[in-house]
N, C-alpha and C. Protein backbone atom coordinates (compact mmCIF):
# COMPACT_ATOMS: atom_id res chain seq x y z
N MET A 1 117.51 94.39 77.01
CA MET A 1 118.11 95.10 78.20
C MET A 1 117.87 94.61 79.72
N ASN A 2 118.06 93.79 80.14
CA ASN A 2 117.62 93.44 81.81
C ASN A 2 118.69 94.92 83.05
N ILE A 3 117.20 95.86 82.61
CA ILE A 3 117.41 97.03 83.73
C ILE A 3 117.04 96.23 85.16
N LEU A 4 117.51 96.89 85.89
CA LEU A 4 116.69 97.03 88.05
C LEU A 4 117.15 98.21 87.71
N ILE A 5 115.95 98.94 88.50
CA ILE A 5 116.15 100.19 89.52
C ILE A 5 116.18 99.77 90.79
N ARG A 6 117.19 100.36 91.88
CA ARG A 6 117.18 100.13 93.22
C ARG A 6 116.98 101.09 93.94
N SER A 7 117.03 101.27 95.34
CA SER A 7 117.49 102.28 96.47
C SER A 7 118.96 101.87 96.27
N MET A 8 119.61 103.19 96.42
CA MET A 8 120.77 104.08 96.63
C MET A 8 121.52 103.41 97.33
N THR A 9 122.47 102.77 98.19
CA THR A 9 122.77 101.74 99.06
C THR A 9 124.81 102.70 99.47
N LYS A 10 124.77 102.68 100.75
CA LYS A 10 126.81 102.74 100.66
C LYS A 10 127.43 102.43 100.11
N GLN A 11 127.43 101.58 99.21
CA GLN A 11 128.72 100.69 98.79
C GLN A 11 128.02 102.10 97.05
N ASP A 12 127.46 102.45 96.79
CA ASP A 12 127.35 102.61 95.54
C ASP A 12 127.68 104.63 95.67
N LYS A 13 128.02 104.77 97.00
CA LYS A 13 128.39 106.33 96.77
C LYS A 13 129.59 106.30 95.53
N PRO A 14 130.52 105.91 95.96
CA PRO A 14 131.90 106.38 94.79
C PRO A 14 131.55 106.76 93.44
N GLU A 15 130.71 105.26 92.77
CA GLU A 15 129.97 105.82 91.72
C GLU A 15 129.49 106.33 91.35
N ILE A 16 128.51 106.81 92.28
CA ILE A 16 127.33 108.35 91.89
C ILE A 16 127.87 109.59 92.16
N LEU A 17 128.91 109.59 92.78
CA LEU A 17 129.43 110.58 92.64
C LEU A 17 129.86 110.88 91.82
N GLN A 18 130.42 110.39 91.42
CA GLN A 18 131.73 110.23 89.67
C GLN A 18 130.31 110.77 88.76
N ILE A 19 129.47 110.04 88.77
CA ILE A 19 128.23 110.03 87.50
C ILE A 19 127.73 112.21 87.37
N MET A 20 127.62 111.49 89.19
CA MET A 20 126.77 113.10 89.79
C MET A 20 128.08 114.07 88.49
N ARG A 21 129.27 113.69 89.17
CA ARG A 21 129.98 114.86 88.83
C ARG A 21 129.99 115.46 87.52
N VAL A 22 129.73 113.81 86.68
CA VAL A 22 129.39 114.53 85.20
C VAL A 22 129.04 115.16 84.53
N PHE A 23 127.83 114.90 85.23
CA PHE A 23 126.03 115.17 84.93
C PHE A 23 126.35 116.79 85.47
N TYR A 24 126.52 117.04 86.42
CA TYR A 24 126.80 118.62 87.34
C TYR A 24 127.55 119.40 86.21
N ASP A 25 128.31 118.81 85.96
CA ASP A 25 129.54 119.47 84.50
C ASP A 25 129.11 119.82 83.21
N SER A 26 128.07 119.54 83.77
CA SER A 26 127.20 118.61 81.88
C SER A 26 126.37 120.36 81.10
N PRO A 27 125.83 120.96 80.07
CA PRO A 27 125.06 121.29 79.90
C PRO A 27 123.47 121.40 80.14
N ALA A 28 123.05 120.17 80.83
CA ALA A 28 121.79 119.97 81.21
C ALA A 28 121.94 120.80 82.78
N VAL A 29 122.38 121.40 83.01
CA VAL A 29 122.53 121.66 84.92
C VAL A 29 122.77 123.02 84.52
N GLU A 30 122.22 124.08 84.75
CA GLU A 30 122.62 125.64 84.93
C GLU A 30 124.02 125.92 86.01
N HIS A 31 123.48 124.96 87.08
CA HIS A 31 124.76 125.15 88.29
C HIS A 31 125.09 124.53 88.67
N THR A 32 126.17 124.45 88.15
CA THR A 32 127.50 123.38 88.76
C THR A 32 127.44 123.62 90.47
N ALA A 33 127.47 122.28 90.77
CA ALA A 33 127.66 122.47 91.58
C ALA A 33 129.18 121.08 92.33
N SER A 34 129.36 121.82 93.95
CA SER A 34 130.38 121.65 94.27
C SER A 34 131.19 120.06 95.11
N ASN A 35 131.54 119.28 94.93
CA ASN A 35 132.07 118.19 95.43
C ASN A 35 131.29 118.08 96.73
N GLU A 36 131.83 118.73 97.66
CA GLU A 36 130.39 118.66 98.77
C GLU A 36 129.33 118.48 98.97
N ILE A 37 128.65 119.49 98.20
CA ILE A 37 127.12 119.27 97.96
C ILE A 37 126.71 117.95 97.32
N LEU A 38 127.58 117.97 96.52
CA LEU A 38 127.38 115.90 95.92
C LEU A 38 127.07 114.99 97.04
N GLU A 39 128.28 115.37 97.70
CA GLU A 39 127.80 113.78 98.57
C GLU A 39 127.28 114.64 99.69
N LYS A 40 126.93 115.41 100.22
CA LYS A 40 125.99 115.83 101.26
C LYS A 40 124.27 115.52 100.42
N ASP A 41 124.65 115.61 98.79
CA ASP A 41 122.82 114.85 98.85
C ASP A 41 123.23 113.74 98.79
N ILE A 42 124.11 113.00 98.11
CA ILE A 42 124.34 111.80 98.27
C ILE A 42 123.96 110.87 99.88
N ASP A 43 124.46 111.65 100.40
CA ASP A 43 123.97 111.24 102.12
C ASP A 43 122.91 111.12 102.67
N ASP A 44 122.16 112.45 102.26
CA ASP A 44 121.07 112.58 102.64
C ASP A 44 119.77 111.43 102.07
N CYS A 45 120.37 111.58 100.79
CA CYS A 45 119.98 110.44 100.39
C CYS A 45 119.61 109.19 101.03
N LEU A 46 120.62 108.73 101.26
CA LEU A 46 121.07 107.54 102.36
C LEU A 46 120.42 107.64 103.76
N SER A 47 120.03 108.12 104.22
CA SER A 47 120.13 108.78 105.74
C SER A 47 118.38 108.84 105.77
N ASP A 48 117.84 109.46 106.98
CA ASP A 48 116.60 109.50 106.79
C ASP A 48 115.48 110.42 107.20
N MET A 49 116.03 111.31 106.27
CA MET A 49 115.90 112.52 105.30
C MET A 49 114.39 112.02 104.52
N PRO A 50 113.69 112.58 105.08
CA PRO A 50 112.01 111.92 104.58
C PRO A 50 111.90 112.62 103.07
N PHE A 51 112.43 113.98 102.34
CA PHE A 51 112.01 114.71 101.10
C PHE A 51 112.95 114.42 100.35
N LEU A 52 113.63 113.51 100.02
CA LEU A 52 115.06 113.19 99.25
C LEU A 52 115.22 111.45 98.73
N GLU A 53 115.21 111.24 97.93
CA GLU A 53 115.16 109.40 97.38
C GLU A 53 116.26 109.23 96.71
N GLY A 54 117.22 108.25 96.58
CA GLY A 54 117.86 107.78 95.44
C GLY A 54 117.82 106.73 95.10
N PHE A 55 118.02 106.74 93.72
CA PHE A 55 118.02 105.70 92.84
C PHE A 55 118.88 105.18 92.11
N VAL A 56 119.23 103.72 92.08
CA VAL A 56 120.35 103.52 90.94
C VAL A 56 119.99 102.76 89.52
N ILE A 57 120.09 103.05 88.57
CA ILE A 57 120.37 102.32 87.59
C ILE A 57 120.93 101.46 87.20
N GLU A 58 120.71 99.83 87.15
CA GLU A 58 121.91 99.10 87.04
C GLU A 58 121.66 98.29 85.58
N ASN A 59 122.34 97.42 84.84
CA ASN A 59 122.48 97.08 83.84
C ASN A 59 123.17 95.78 84.11
N LYS A 60 123.37 94.48 84.42
CA LYS A 60 123.95 93.51 84.53
C LYS A 60 125.09 93.69 85.65
N ASN A 61 124.08 94.36 86.92
CA ASN A 61 124.75 94.69 87.80
C ASN A 61 125.83 95.24 88.21
N LYS A 62 126.14 96.69 86.70
CA LYS A 62 126.50 97.74 86.73
C LYS A 62 125.78 98.61 86.41
N ILE A 63 126.44 100.20 87.50
CA ILE A 63 125.37 100.95 87.32
C ILE A 63 125.91 101.59 86.24
N ILE A 64 124.24 102.04 85.47
CA ILE A 64 124.26 102.77 84.11
C ILE A 64 123.70 104.29 84.59
N GLY A 65 123.49 104.20 85.95
CA GLY A 65 122.77 105.69 86.21
C GLY A 65 122.16 106.03 87.27
N TYR A 66 121.49 107.10 87.70
CA TYR A 66 121.09 107.32 88.88
C TYR A 66 119.68 108.30 88.57
N ALA A 67 118.81 108.12 89.87
CA ALA A 67 118.20 109.53 89.73
C ALA A 67 118.27 109.89 91.46
N MET A 68 117.35 111.58 91.10
CA MET A 68 117.09 111.70 92.75
C MET A 68 115.42 112.02 92.29
N THR A 69 114.48 112.19 93.72
CA THR A 69 113.74 112.20 93.65
C THR A 69 113.43 113.11 95.34
N ALA A 70 112.40 114.05 94.91
CA ALA A 70 112.40 115.03 96.61
C ALA A 70 110.82 115.28 96.39
N VAL A 71 110.12 114.79 97.49
CA VAL A 71 108.83 114.86 97.51
C VAL A 71 108.72 116.60 98.34
N SER A 72 107.81 117.11 98.08
CA SER A 72 106.92 118.38 98.21
C SER A 72 105.40 118.28 98.61
N TYR A 73 104.89 119.35 98.22
CA TYR A 73 103.07 119.14 98.45
C TYR A 73 102.53 120.29 97.65
N THR A 74 101.61 119.71 96.56
CA THR A 74 100.99 120.76 95.34
C THR A 74 99.63 121.63 96.25
N THR A 75 99.45 122.36 96.26
CA THR A 75 97.74 123.17 96.87
C THR A 75 96.94 123.36 95.94
N GLU A 76 97.98 122.93 94.19
CA GLU A 76 96.74 123.05 93.09
C GLU A 76 96.57 122.26 92.94
N TYR A 77 96.97 120.85 93.59
CA TYR A 77 96.03 120.04 93.35
C TYR A 77 96.13 118.36 94.18
N GLY A 78 96.14 119.58 95.75
CA GLY A 78 95.70 118.66 96.67
C GLY A 78 96.57 117.06 97.01
N GLY A 79 97.46 117.43 96.64
CA GLY A 79 98.59 116.34 97.38
C GLY A 79 100.08 115.92 96.97
N ILE A 80 100.66 115.07 97.45
CA ILE A 80 102.51 114.36 97.11
C ILE A 80 102.65 114.81 95.81
N CYS A 81 103.53 115.52 95.54
CA CYS A 81 103.91 116.44 94.25
C CYS A 81 105.64 115.77 94.19
N ILE A 82 105.95 114.29 93.39
CA ILE A 82 107.20 114.37 93.62
C ILE A 82 108.18 115.11 92.00
N TRP A 83 109.50 115.40 92.86
CA TRP A 83 110.15 116.19 91.96
C TRP A 83 111.40 114.85 91.46
N LEU A 84 111.54 114.71 90.03
CA LEU A 84 112.77 114.35 89.68
C LEU A 84 113.46 115.42 89.74
N GLU A 85 114.16 115.14 90.58
CA GLU A 85 115.47 116.21 91.08
C GLU A 85 116.64 116.13 89.99
N ASP A 86 116.92 115.05 90.26
CA ASP A 86 118.15 113.82 89.07
C ASP A 86 117.78 113.04 87.92
N LEU A 87 117.91 113.09 87.06
CA LEU A 87 118.11 111.88 86.63
C LEU A 87 119.16 111.77 85.01
N TYR A 88 120.37 110.57 85.89
CA TYR A 88 120.89 110.82 84.01
C TYR A 88 121.81 109.46 84.37
N LEU A 89 121.31 109.00 82.62
CA LEU A 89 122.39 107.78 81.84
C LEU A 89 123.27 108.27 81.17
N LYS A 90 124.30 107.29 81.40
CA LYS A 90 125.63 107.08 80.81
C LYS A 90 125.13 106.90 79.13
N PRO A 91 125.54 107.70 78.35
CA PRO A 91 125.28 108.40 77.12
C PRO A 91 125.68 107.02 76.28
N GLU A 92 125.45 106.08 76.22
CA GLU A 92 125.52 104.84 75.75
C GLU A 92 124.68 104.08 75.95
N TYR A 93 123.68 104.43 77.22
CA TYR A 93 122.47 103.34 77.41
C TYR A 93 121.32 104.32 77.43
N ARG A 94 121.40 105.94 76.58
CA ARG A 94 120.11 106.90 76.24
C ARG A 94 119.74 106.23 74.74
N HIS A 95 118.46 106.85 74.94
CA HIS A 95 117.52 106.24 73.69
C HIS A 95 117.28 104.93 73.40
N SER A 96 117.10 104.29 74.22
CA SER A 96 116.82 103.21 74.31
C SER A 96 115.83 102.64 75.75
N GLY A 97 114.45 103.62 75.98
CA GLY A 97 113.92 103.19 77.00
C GLY A 97 113.60 103.22 78.04
N ILE A 98 115.35 103.29 78.86
CA ILE A 98 115.26 103.25 79.72
C ILE A 98 114.73 104.42 80.62
N ALA A 99 114.64 105.64 79.96
CA ALA A 99 114.21 106.51 80.75
C ALA A 99 112.13 105.89 81.12
N GLY A 100 111.50 105.61 80.18
CA GLY A 100 110.44 104.74 80.57
C GLY A 100 109.97 104.37 81.29
N GLU A 101 111.31 103.05 81.27
CA GLU A 101 111.28 102.61 82.32
C GLU A 101 111.43 103.33 83.89
N LEU A 102 112.12 103.82 83.87
CA LEU A 102 112.75 105.20 85.30
C LEU A 102 111.02 105.10 85.72
N PHE A 103 110.22 105.87 84.54
CA PHE A 103 109.16 106.93 85.10
C PHE A 103 108.38 106.22 85.67
N LYS A 104 107.87 105.08 84.83
CA LYS A 104 107.50 104.24 85.43
C LYS A 104 108.08 103.44 86.96
N PHE A 105 108.76 103.08 86.63
CA PHE A 105 108.89 102.86 88.64
C PHE A 105 108.81 103.64 89.83
N ILE A 106 108.80 105.12 89.11
CA ILE A 106 108.50 105.97 90.22
C ILE A 106 107.33 106.51 89.82
N GLU A 107 106.62 106.30 89.35
CA GLU A 107 104.74 106.41 89.85
C GLU A 107 105.02 105.08 90.55
N ASN A 108 104.89 104.26 90.06
CA ASN A 108 104.89 103.23 91.33
C ASN A 108 105.18 102.96 92.32
N TYR A 109 106.62 103.88 92.56
CA TYR A 109 107.10 103.77 93.63
C TYR A 109 106.24 104.76 94.83
N TYR A 110 105.53 106.21 94.20
CA TYR A 110 104.77 106.89 94.85
C TYR A 110 103.71 106.71 94.70
N PRO A 111 103.22 106.04 94.86
CA PRO A 111 101.27 105.67 94.22
C PRO A 111 100.67 106.65 94.62
N HIS A 112 100.74 107.47 95.61
CA HIS A 112 100.18 108.33 96.24
C HIS A 112 99.93 109.96 95.72
N ALA A 113 101.51 109.98 94.77
CA ALA A 113 100.90 111.41 94.24
C ALA A 113 100.28 111.52 93.78
N VAL A 114 100.22 112.87 93.31
CA VAL A 114 99.37 113.68 92.45
C VAL A 114 99.86 114.52 91.15
N ARG A 115 101.08 114.48 91.23
CA ARG A 115 102.13 115.12 90.07
C ARG A 115 103.39 115.05 90.57
N PHE A 116 103.96 114.88 88.88
CA PHE A 116 105.36 114.79 88.90
C PHE A 116 105.77 115.32 88.18
N LYS A 117 106.94 116.29 88.59
CA LYS A 117 107.50 117.44 88.25
C LYS A 117 109.23 117.10 87.88
N LEU A 118 109.62 117.79 86.62
CA LEU A 118 111.59 117.51 86.87
C LEU A 118 111.61 118.81 85.75
N GLU A 119 112.61 119.32 85.32
CA GLU A 119 113.31 120.91 85.13
C GLU A 119 113.97 120.25 83.72
N VAL A 120 114.14 120.45 82.79
CA VAL A 120 115.23 120.65 81.09
C VAL A 120 115.68 121.88 80.92
N GLU A 121 116.37 121.93 80.68
CA GLU A 121 116.95 123.15 79.65
C GLU A 121 116.08 123.39 78.71
N PRO A 122 115.52 124.25 77.92
CA PRO A 122 114.76 124.67 76.86
C PRO A 122 115.27 124.24 75.55
N GLU A 123 116.97 124.25 75.31
CA GLU A 123 117.71 124.05 74.88
C GLU A 123 117.70 122.21 74.96
N ASN A 124 117.57 121.88 75.12
CA ASN A 124 117.55 120.47 75.28
C ASN A 124 116.24 119.19 74.73
N GLU A 125 116.10 120.54 73.33
CA GLU A 125 115.19 119.81 72.50
C GLU A 125 114.95 118.51 72.75
N PHE A 126 115.74 117.30 72.61
CA PHE A 126 116.05 116.10 72.51
C PHE A 126 115.09 115.46 73.98
N ALA A 127 115.44 115.98 75.14
CA ALA A 127 115.07 115.44 76.66
C ALA A 127 113.26 115.80 76.72
N VAL A 128 113.32 117.22 75.62
CA VAL A 128 111.70 117.99 76.15
C VAL A 128 110.94 117.02 74.88
N LYS A 129 111.26 116.04 74.25
CA LYS A 129 110.86 115.61 73.31
C LYS A 129 110.23 114.29 74.08
N ALA A 130 111.93 113.31 74.42
CA ALA A 130 111.25 112.31 75.18
C ALA A 130 110.52 112.57 76.08
N TYR A 131 110.47 113.77 77.20
CA TYR A 131 109.98 113.26 78.62
C TYR A 131 107.98 113.69 77.83
N GLN A 132 107.78 113.91 77.24
CA GLN A 132 106.40 114.35 76.75
C GLN A 132 106.08 113.41 76.15
N LYS A 133 107.12 112.43 75.34
CA LYS A 133 106.32 110.77 75.41
C LYS A 133 105.86 109.93 76.27
N TYR A 134 106.83 110.50 77.80
CA TYR A 134 106.22 109.40 78.60
C TYR A 134 105.20 110.13 79.28
N GLY A 135 104.18 111.46 78.61
CA GLY A 135 103.63 112.30 79.48
C GLY A 135 103.60 113.40 80.35
N TYR A 136 104.89 114.12 80.34
CA TYR A 136 105.65 114.98 80.79
C TYR A 136 104.91 116.30 80.00
N GLN A 137 104.17 117.34 80.23
CA GLN A 137 104.34 118.20 79.30
C GLN A 137 104.97 119.92 79.70
N ILE A 138 105.33 120.74 79.01
CA ILE A 138 105.95 121.77 79.62
C ILE A 138 104.69 122.90 80.57
N SER A 139 105.43 123.17 81.27
CA SER A 139 104.70 124.16 82.00
C SER A 139 104.65 125.81 82.23
N PRO A 140 102.68 125.81 82.16
CA PRO A 140 103.34 127.16 81.63
C PRO A 140 102.97 128.22 82.57
N TYR A 141 103.44 127.99 84.08
CA TYR A 141 104.08 128.94 84.84
C TYR A 141 105.94 128.86 84.12
N PHE A 142 106.41 130.04 85.48
CA PHE A 142 107.53 129.97 84.73
C PHE A 142 108.21 130.01 86.60
N LEU A 143 109.04 128.98 86.17
CA LEU A 143 109.77 128.81 87.41
C LEU A 143 110.85 129.74 88.69
N MET A 144 111.08 130.52 89.47
CA MET A 144 111.47 131.27 89.93
C MET A 144 112.12 130.47 90.89
N THR A 145 113.48 130.84 92.15
CA THR A 145 114.09 130.53 92.84
C THR A 145 115.19 131.47 93.48
N LYS A 146 115.24 131.04 94.92
CA LYS A 146 116.07 132.65 95.44
C LYS A 146 116.65 131.42 95.76
N GLU A 147 118.56 131.60 96.14
CA GLU A 147 119.44 130.77 96.07
C GLU A 147 120.07 131.46 97.66
N MET A 148 120.23 131.22 99.07
CA MET A 148 120.44 131.82 100.06
C MET A 148 122.29 131.26 100.65
N ASN A 149 122.70 131.95 100.47
CA ASN A 149 123.92 131.94 101.44
C ASN A 149 123.67 130.82 102.25
N LEU A 150 124.73 129.99 102.52
CA LEU A 150 124.03 128.52 103.51
C LEU A 150 125.55 128.84 104.14
N SER A 151 126.32 128.94 103.32
CA SER A 151 128.10 128.36 103.68
C SER A 151 128.36 129.78 105.43
N GLY A 152 127.59 130.09 105.84
CA GLY A 152 127.18 130.76 106.64
C GLY A 152 127.49 132.49 107.46
């Protein structure tokens, strides 16, 4: 398989939005997001927003998935932390090692990062095992969040 991973472009937006909708409506995501939020995510990837980056995964000039990363800082490890916010591959391309290629790409893209993080539903045992294969471990910390009402 001839995989290309590249930065997202404006021309990718319609197809990435469709793929994101599938991802955010799946059991892999606890909270479904509106199309407005998904469009904003893509627009932020395409803007000069310094915290979010979007990537497209292609095979033979055909989009087969996407990923989004967010930059933060980890005081525990004293450096840049990259959150793999979204990772989605179309079902027919899963279990083929593409995730490993993506992880390698992301690690090379952010050579100064000291930590990489991602979230996964505990019930998604296949994904957990796959991520462990690429060096990710289950964190002993519980993730806590507080969502703010951004609608005004």
